[in-house]
Protein backbone atom coordinates (compact mmCIF):
# COMPACT_ATOMS: atom_id res chain seq x y z
CA MET A 1 19.65 10.13 -14.93
CA ASN A 2 17.99 12.04 -12.11
CA GLY A 3 15.95 10.12 -9.65
CA PHE A 4 12.43 10.78 -8.42
CA THR A 5 10.61 10.43 -5.14
CA LEU A 6 7.77 8.03 -4.44
CA HIS A 7 5.56 8.72 -1.47
CA LEU A 8 3.66 5.60 -0.42
CA MET A 9 0.75 6.46 1.87
CA ARG A 10 -1.41 3.95 3.67
CA HIS A 11 -5.08 4.87 3.68
CA GLY A 12 -6.77 5.97 6.89
CA ALA A 13 -8.40 3.59 9.33
CA PRO A 14 -11.47 1.95 7.85
CA VAL A 15 -14.88 2.66 9.34
CA GLN A 16 -14.71 -0.76 11.00
CA THR A 17 -11.23 -1.69 12.25
CA GLY A 18 -9.79 -5.04 13.26
CA LEU A 19 -10.94 -7.00 10.21
CA MET A 20 -8.97 -8.81 7.51
CA LEU A 21 -9.60 -6.26 4.76
CA GLY A 22 -8.12 -7.23 1.44
CA HIS A 23 -10.29 -6.59 -1.59
CA LYS A 24 -13.42 -5.87 0.48
CA ASP A 25 -14.33 -2.31 -0.41
CA MET A 26 -14.83 -0.64 2.97
CA PRO A 27 -14.33 3.15 3.18
CA SER A 28 -11.86 4.94 5.44
CA SER A 29 -13.21 6.91 8.36
CA ASP A 30 -13.59 10.66 7.91
CA ALA A 31 -10.82 11.18 10.48
CA GLY A 32 -8.51 8.84 8.54
CA CYS A 33 -9.18 10.68 5.29
CA THR A 34 -8.45 13.99 7.01
CA VAL A 35 -5.04 12.82 8.25
CA CYS A 36 -4.15 11.52 4.78
CA PHE A 37 -5.28 14.82 3.25
CA GLU A 38 -3.19 16.86 5.69
CA ARG A 39 -0.09 14.74 5.02
CA GLY A 40 -0.53 14.68 1.27
CA CYS A 41 -1.34 18.30 0.47
CA SER A 42 2.19 19.59 0.99
CA LEU A 43 3.97 16.89 -1.03
CA ALA A 44 5.65 18.03 -4.24
CA VAL A 45 4.48 15.41 -6.74
CA GLU A 46 3.70 15.27 -10.43
CA THR A 47 1.06 12.56 -10.23
CA ILE A 48 -1.22 10.83 -7.77
CA LEU A 49 -2.00 7.13 -8.00
CA CYS A 50 -4.11 4.93 -5.78
CA SER A 51 -5.76 1.60 -5.26
CA ASP A 52 -9.22 1.45 -6.80
CA LEU A 53 -10.74 0.58 -3.40
CA GLN A 54 -12.56 3.51 -1.82
CA ARG A 55 -10.55 3.54 1.42
CA ALA A 56 -7.51 4.56 -0.68
CA ARG A 57 -9.27 6.28 -3.57
CA ARG A 58 -11.21 8.82 -1.49
CA PRO A 59 -8.21 10.41 0.27
CA ALA A 60 -6.24 10.34 -3.00
CA GLU A 61 -9.06 12.23 -4.74
CA MET A 62 -9.17 14.78 -1.90
CA ILE A 63 -5.41 15.40 -2.17
CA ALA A 64 -5.54 15.52 -5.97
CA ALA A 65 -8.32 18.12 -5.91
CA TRP A 66 -6.30 20.29 -3.50
CA GLN A 67 -3.13 19.96 -5.61
CA ASP A 68 -5.04 20.35 -8.88
CA LEU A 69 -3.65 17.08 -10.20
CA PRO A 70 -5.41 14.15 -11.82
CA VAL A 71 -5.62 10.92 -9.85
CA ARG A 72 -5.39 7.49 -11.46
CA SER A 73 -6.75 4.46 -9.66
CA ASP A 74 -5.18 1.10 -10.41
CA PRO A 75 -6.31 -2.28 -9.01
CA ARG A 76 -2.68 -3.44 -8.92
CA TRP A 77 -2.29 -1.24 -5.82
CA ARG A 78 -4.94 -3.22 -3.91
CA GLU A 79 -4.21 -5.03 -0.67
CA LEU A 80 -3.42 -8.75 -0.69
CA ASP A 81 -6.53 -10.73 -1.57
CA PHE A 82 -7.57 -12.48 1.65
CA GLY A 83 -10.00 -14.74 -0.22
CA ASP A 84 -12.39 -16.51 2.16
CA TRP A 85 -11.04 -14.44 5.05
CA ASP A 86 -11.81 -11.08 3.46
CA GLY A 87 -13.83 -9.02 5.92
CA ALA A 88 -13.47 -11.57 8.72
CA ASP A 89 -12.52 -10.88 12.31
CA PRO A 90 -9.18 -12.68 12.88
CA ALA A 91 -10.56 -14.00 16.20
CA ASP A 92 -13.11 -16.02 14.19
CA LEU A 93 -10.47 -17.71 12.01
CA ASP A 94 -8.58 -20.92 12.66
CA ALA A 95 -5.65 -19.76 14.81
CA ALA A 96 -3.15 -22.28 13.41
CA GLN A 97 -4.05 -21.43 9.82
CA LEU A 98 -3.81 -17.70 10.52
CA ALA A 99 -0.43 -18.11 12.25
CA ALA A 100 0.89 -20.13 9.30
CA PHE A 101 -0.25 -17.36 6.95
CA TRP A 102 1.48 -14.59 8.94
CA GLU A 103 4.66 -16.70 9.20
CA ASP A 104 4.76 -17.57 5.49
CA PRO A 105 2.12 -15.95 3.24
CA GLN A 106 3.78 -17.46 0.18
CA ASP A 107 3.28 -21.11 1.12
CA HIS A 108 0.21 -20.58 3.33
CA PRO A 109 -2.02 -18.01 1.59
CA PRO A 110 -5.56 -17.46 2.87
CA PRO A 111 -8.07 -20.03 1.58
CA GLY A 112 -9.15 -18.85 -1.87
CA GLY A 113 -6.77 -15.88 -1.55
CA GLU A 114 -3.55 -14.61 -3.00
CA CYS A 115 -0.01 -15.69 -2.17
CA TRP A 116 2.66 -13.10 -1.32
CA SER A 117 4.52 -13.40 -4.64
CA SER A 118 1.35 -12.53 -6.58
CA LEU A 119 1.01 -9.29 -4.63
CA VAL A 120 4.69 -8.47 -5.18
CA GLU A 121 4.42 -9.19 -8.93
CA ARG A 122 1.42 -6.92 -9.48
CA VAL A 123 2.92 -4.11 -7.37
CA GLU A 124 6.22 -4.43 -9.23
CA ALA A 125 4.37 -4.15 -12.56
CA ALA A 126 2.62 -0.99 -11.31
CA LEU A 127 5.93 0.45 -10.05
CA ALA A 128 7.56 -0.13 -13.43
CA GLU A 129 5.17 2.42 -14.94
CA VAL A 130 6.07 5.19 -12.46
CA SER A 131 8.89 7.45 -13.64
CA VAL A 132 8.06 10.79 -12.00
CA SER A 133 7.60 11.99 -8.43
CA ALA A 134 4.34 10.50 -7.23
CA LEU A 135 2.05 9.98 -4.27
CA ILE A 136 0.58 6.49 -4.17
CA VAL A 137 -2.29 6.01 -1.71
CA THR A 138 -2.57 2.31 -1.08
CA HIS A 139 -2.64 -0.45 1.56
CA GLY A 140 -0.19 -1.84 4.10
CA GLY A 141 0.56 -5.04 2.18
CA ALA A 142 1.07 -3.17 -1.10
CA ILE A 143 3.46 -0.74 0.61
CA ARG A 144 5.46 -3.65 2.03
CA ALA A 145 5.50 -5.31 -1.42
CA ALA A 146 6.72 -2.04 -2.99
CA LEU A 147 9.52 -1.79 -0.43
CA CYS A 148 10.53 -5.38 -1.21
CA CYS A 149 10.71 -4.49 -4.91
CA LEU A 150 12.45 -1.15 -4.48
CA LEU A 151 14.83 -1.89 -1.60
CA GLY A 152 15.48 -5.59 -2.11
CA LEU A 153 13.79 -6.58 1.14
CA ASP A 154 12.30 -9.99 1.74
CA TYR A 155 8.93 -10.58 3.38
CA ARG A 156 10.27 -10.75 6.94
CA GLN A 157 12.41 -7.64 6.48
CA SER A 158 9.39 -5.70 5.23
CA TRP A 159 7.84 -6.22 8.67
CA ALA A 160 10.87 -4.72 10.46
CA PHE A 161 9.05 -1.38 10.81
CA ASP A 162 5.47 -0.36 11.43
CA VAL A 163 3.23 0.90 8.62
CA PRO A 164 0.07 1.96 10.49
CA TYR A 165 -2.95 3.65 8.93
CA THR A 166 -2.01 7.05 7.39
CA ALA A 167 1.72 6.20 7.43
CA LEU A 168 3.77 7.94 4.77
CA VAL A 169 6.87 6.17 3.45
CA SER A 170 9.14 8.14 1.09
CA VAL A 171 11.63 6.47 -1.23
CA ARG A 172 14.08 8.05 -3.67
CA VAL A 173 14.29 5.97 -6.85
CA TRP A 174 16.97 6.01 -9.54
CA PRO A 175 15.85 4.30 -12.73
CA GLY A 176 18.01 1.89 -14.69
CA GLU A 177 19.09 -1.70 -14.45
CA PRO A 178 19.29 -2.53 -11.71
CA ARG A 179 16.92 0.05 -10.28
CA ARG A 180 18.32 1.63 -7.12
CA ALA A 181 16.29 3.13 -4.29
CA GLN A 182 16.78 4.57 -0.83
CA LEU A 183 14.29 4.97 2.02
CA THR A 184 14.28 8.71 2.77
CA GLY A 185 11.37 9.18 5.16
CA LEU A 186 8.81 7.49 7.38
CA ILE A 187 5.99 9.37 9.10
CA ILE A 188 3.72 7.29 11.29
């Protein structure tokens, strides 16, 4: 069976940077939306998906309107839920607790938040429904979770490369059991 390409795009910088933004619904800056739009308009895709949070949804809708495609938002493409830390400045958090989280988000999730495997499970369920070339406008954590699912990476390996705001990661996927995939592009 022929494969298909997934383009995973991180939303533009939020209007207020430097915060722990998980499920907090802060919009992207106009400049961030513009960069996403410019990167996404030339992609050959059959569908556009996005997180339901406005910082991902707005650029996805802009690209979809330009390409004359529908866009489907899906909460499974949200960022990791930072729980009590959502919207907080990392400098205001307990440094030891924050370091433990970054070292091992599975065993040290944010207070009241989501562990790493929960993010991976919901992203994997969303990926299972994609069978055509698609642009998915989402968040840094969701992109890393998708790469873990598609490429067999573990958490630490998913941090081996940068995924800044507006990054575009392209992956060729061949369906079947086991699913095979190959990283084919990274624009940062």
